[in-house]
């Protein structure tokens, strides 16, 4: 899952054993479990992004 930091400050998060620092308005790839937990937290700090690579044509 790809998330965008919506704040104007750096955010630090843990994704399993990895600790990641995300720049203001930056993108980060996290596991689905971590992504859903962060998206459900309040106040809203993260938004979900579409994958950066378009799906193959059908």
N, C-alpha and C. Protein backbone atom coordinates (compact mmCIF):
# COMPACT_ATOMS: atom_id res chain seq x y z
N UNK A 1 0.85 -1.17 0.00
CA UNK A 1 0.00 0.00 0.00
C UNK A 1 0.90 1.23 0.00
N UNK A 2 0.50 2.25 -0.76
CA UNK A 2 1.26 3.49 -0.83
C UNK A 2 0.47 4.58 -0.12
N UNK A 3 1.13 5.25 0.83
CA UNK A 3 0.48 6.33 1.57
C UNK A 3 1.22 7.64 1.34
N UNK A 4 0.47 8.74 1.43
CA UNK A 4 1.06 10.08 1.35
C UNK A 4 0.92 10.76 2.71
N UNK A 5 2.01 11.37 3.16
CA UNK A 5 2.02 12.16 4.39
C UNK A 5 1.32 13.49 4.09
N UNK A 6 0.20 13.77 4.76
CA UNK A 6 -0.57 14.98 4.49
C UNK A 6 -0.11 16.18 5.30
N UNK A 7 0.86 16.00 6.18
CA UNK A 7 1.26 17.08 7.07
C UNK A 7 2.44 17.87 6.49
N UNK A 8 2.74 18.98 7.15
CA UNK A 8 3.88 19.81 6.73
C UNK A 8 5.12 19.47 7.56
N UNK A 9 5.09 18.35 8.30
CA UNK A 9 6.24 17.92 9.09
C UNK A 9 6.59 16.48 8.74
N UNK A 10 7.82 16.09 9.04
CA UNK A 10 8.23 14.69 8.84
C UNK A 10 7.44 13.79 9.78
N UNK A 11 7.11 12.61 9.30
CA UNK A 11 6.42 11.61 10.11
C UNK A 11 7.29 10.36 10.17
N UNK A 12 7.33 9.73 11.34
CA UNK A 12 8.05 8.47 11.50
C UNK A 12 7.02 7.40 11.81
N UNK A 13 7.15 6.26 11.15
CA UNK A 13 6.21 5.16 11.39
C UNK A 13 6.96 3.85 11.43
N UNK A 14 6.37 2.86 12.08
CA UNK A 14 6.97 1.53 12.03
C UNK A 14 6.08 0.60 11.24
N UNK A 15 6.72 -0.15 10.37
CA UNK A 15 6.05 -1.11 9.50
C UNK A 15 6.73 -2.45 9.75
N UNK A 16 6.17 -3.22 10.69
CA UNK A 16 6.84 -4.45 11.10
C UNK A 16 8.11 -4.10 11.83
N UNK A 17 9.25 -4.59 11.35
CA UNK A 17 10.53 -4.29 11.99
C UNK A 17 11.18 -3.03 11.41
N UNK A 18 10.66 -2.52 10.31
CA UNK A 18 11.23 -1.32 9.67
C UNK A 18 10.67 -0.05 10.30
N UNK A 19 11.54 0.93 10.52
CA UNK A 19 11.12 2.26 10.94
C UNK A 19 11.39 3.18 9.76
N UNK A 20 10.35 3.90 9.32
CA UNK A 20 10.47 4.73 8.13
C UNK A 20 10.17 6.18 8.48
N UNK A 21 10.95 7.10 7.91
CA UNK A 21 10.72 8.53 8.06
C UNK A 21 10.24 9.04 6.71
N UNK A 22 9.13 9.79 6.74
CA UNK A 22 8.50 10.26 5.51
C UNK A 22 8.50 11.79 5.51
N UNK A 23 9.02 12.38 4.46
CA UNK A 23 9.08 13.83 4.35
C UNK A 23 7.68 14.42 4.21
N UNK A 24 7.54 15.73 4.47
CA UNK A 24 6.23 16.38 4.30
C UNK A 24 5.70 16.16 2.88
N UNK A 25 4.47 15.74 2.78
CA UNK A 25 3.79 15.44 1.52
C UNK A 25 4.46 14.31 0.74
N UNK A 26 5.34 13.54 1.38
CA UNK A 26 6.05 12.45 0.73
C UNK A 26 5.24 11.16 0.67
N UNK A 27 5.72 10.23 -0.14
CA UNK A 27 5.09 8.92 -0.29
C UNK A 27 5.91 7.86 0.42
N UNK A 28 5.21 6.81 0.89
CA UNK A 28 5.89 5.68 1.53
C UNK A 28 5.11 4.41 1.20
N UNK A 29 5.82 3.31 0.98
CA UNK A 29 5.19 2.01 0.77
C UNK A 29 5.19 1.27 2.11
N UNK A 30 4.02 0.78 2.51
CA UNK A 30 3.88 0.03 3.76
C UNK A 30 3.04 -1.22 3.51
N UNK A 31 3.06 -2.14 4.47
CA UNK A 31 2.23 -3.33 4.35
C UNK A 31 0.76 -2.93 4.47
N UNK A 32 -0.13 -3.78 3.99
CA UNK A 32 -1.57 -3.49 4.04
C UNK A 32 -2.03 -3.31 5.48
N UNK A 33 -1.55 -4.15 6.38
CA UNK A 33 -1.96 -4.06 7.79
C UNK A 33 -1.58 -2.70 8.38
N UNK A 34 -0.34 -2.28 8.17
CA UNK A 34 0.11 -0.97 8.67
C UNK A 34 -0.66 0.15 8.00
N UNK A 35 -0.88 0.04 6.70
CA UNK A 35 -1.62 1.06 5.95
C UNK A 35 -3.02 1.27 6.48
N UNK A 36 -3.75 0.18 6.70
CA UNK A 36 -5.12 0.31 7.21
C UNK A 36 -5.13 0.89 8.61
N UNK A 37 -4.15 0.53 9.44
CA UNK A 37 -4.07 1.07 10.81
C UNK A 37 -3.81 2.57 10.76
N UNK A 38 -2.89 3.00 9.89
CA UNK A 38 -2.58 4.43 9.79
C UNK A 38 -3.75 5.23 9.21
N UNK A 39 -4.45 4.67 8.23
CA UNK A 39 -5.59 5.37 7.62
C UNK A 39 -6.74 5.51 8.60
N UNK A 40 -6.85 4.59 9.57
CA UNK A 40 -7.95 4.63 10.54
C UNK A 40 -7.64 5.53 11.74
N UNK A 41 -6.38 5.98 11.86
CA UNK A 41 -6.01 6.78 13.03
C UNK A 41 -6.53 8.22 12.89
N UNK A 42 -6.64 8.87 14.02
CA UNK A 42 -7.09 10.25 14.04
C UNK A 42 -6.11 11.06 14.87
N UNK A 43 -5.73 12.27 14.50
CA UNK A 43 -6.19 13.02 13.32
C UNK A 43 -5.64 12.44 12.03
N UNK A 44 -6.29 12.78 10.93
CA UNK A 44 -5.92 12.22 9.63
C UNK A 44 -4.57 12.77 9.18
N UNK A 45 -3.57 11.91 9.10
CA UNK A 45 -2.22 12.29 8.73
C UNK A 45 -1.84 11.68 7.38
N UNK A 46 -2.53 10.62 6.97
CA UNK A 46 -2.17 9.85 5.77
C UNK A 46 -3.33 9.75 4.81
N UNK A 47 -3.03 9.70 3.52
CA UNK A 47 -4.04 9.37 2.51
C UNK A 47 -3.47 8.25 1.65
N UNK A 48 -4.36 7.45 1.11
CA UNK A 48 -3.97 6.33 0.25
C UNK A 48 -3.75 6.85 -1.17
N UNK A 49 -2.70 6.37 -1.81
CA UNK A 49 -2.39 6.78 -3.18
C UNK A 49 -2.62 5.60 -4.13
N UNK A 50 -2.96 5.90 -5.34
CA UNK A 50 -3.05 4.88 -6.37
C UNK A 50 -1.64 4.41 -6.70
N UNK A 51 -1.48 3.16 -7.11
CA UNK A 51 -0.14 2.71 -7.52
C UNK A 51 0.42 3.63 -8.61
N UNK A 52 1.71 3.83 -8.56
CA UNK A 52 2.35 4.74 -9.51
C UNK A 52 2.52 4.11 -10.90
N UNK A 53 2.40 2.81 -10.97
CA UNK A 53 2.52 2.11 -12.25
C UNK A 53 1.13 1.70 -12.71
N UNK A 54 0.68 2.14 -13.88
CA UNK A 54 -0.67 1.79 -14.32
C UNK A 54 -0.81 0.29 -14.54
N UNK A 55 -2.01 -0.24 -14.33
CA UNK A 55 -2.22 -1.67 -14.57
C UNK A 55 -2.05 -2.00 -16.05
N UNK A 56 -1.69 -3.26 -16.35
CA UNK A 56 -1.55 -3.62 -17.76
C UNK A 56 -2.91 -3.56 -18.47
N UNK A 57 -2.90 -3.30 -19.77
CA UNK A 57 -4.18 -3.25 -20.51
C UNK A 57 -4.88 -4.61 -20.48
N UNK A 58 -6.19 -4.56 -20.45
CA UNK A 58 -6.99 -5.81 -20.37
C UNK A 58 -7.10 -6.47 -21.71
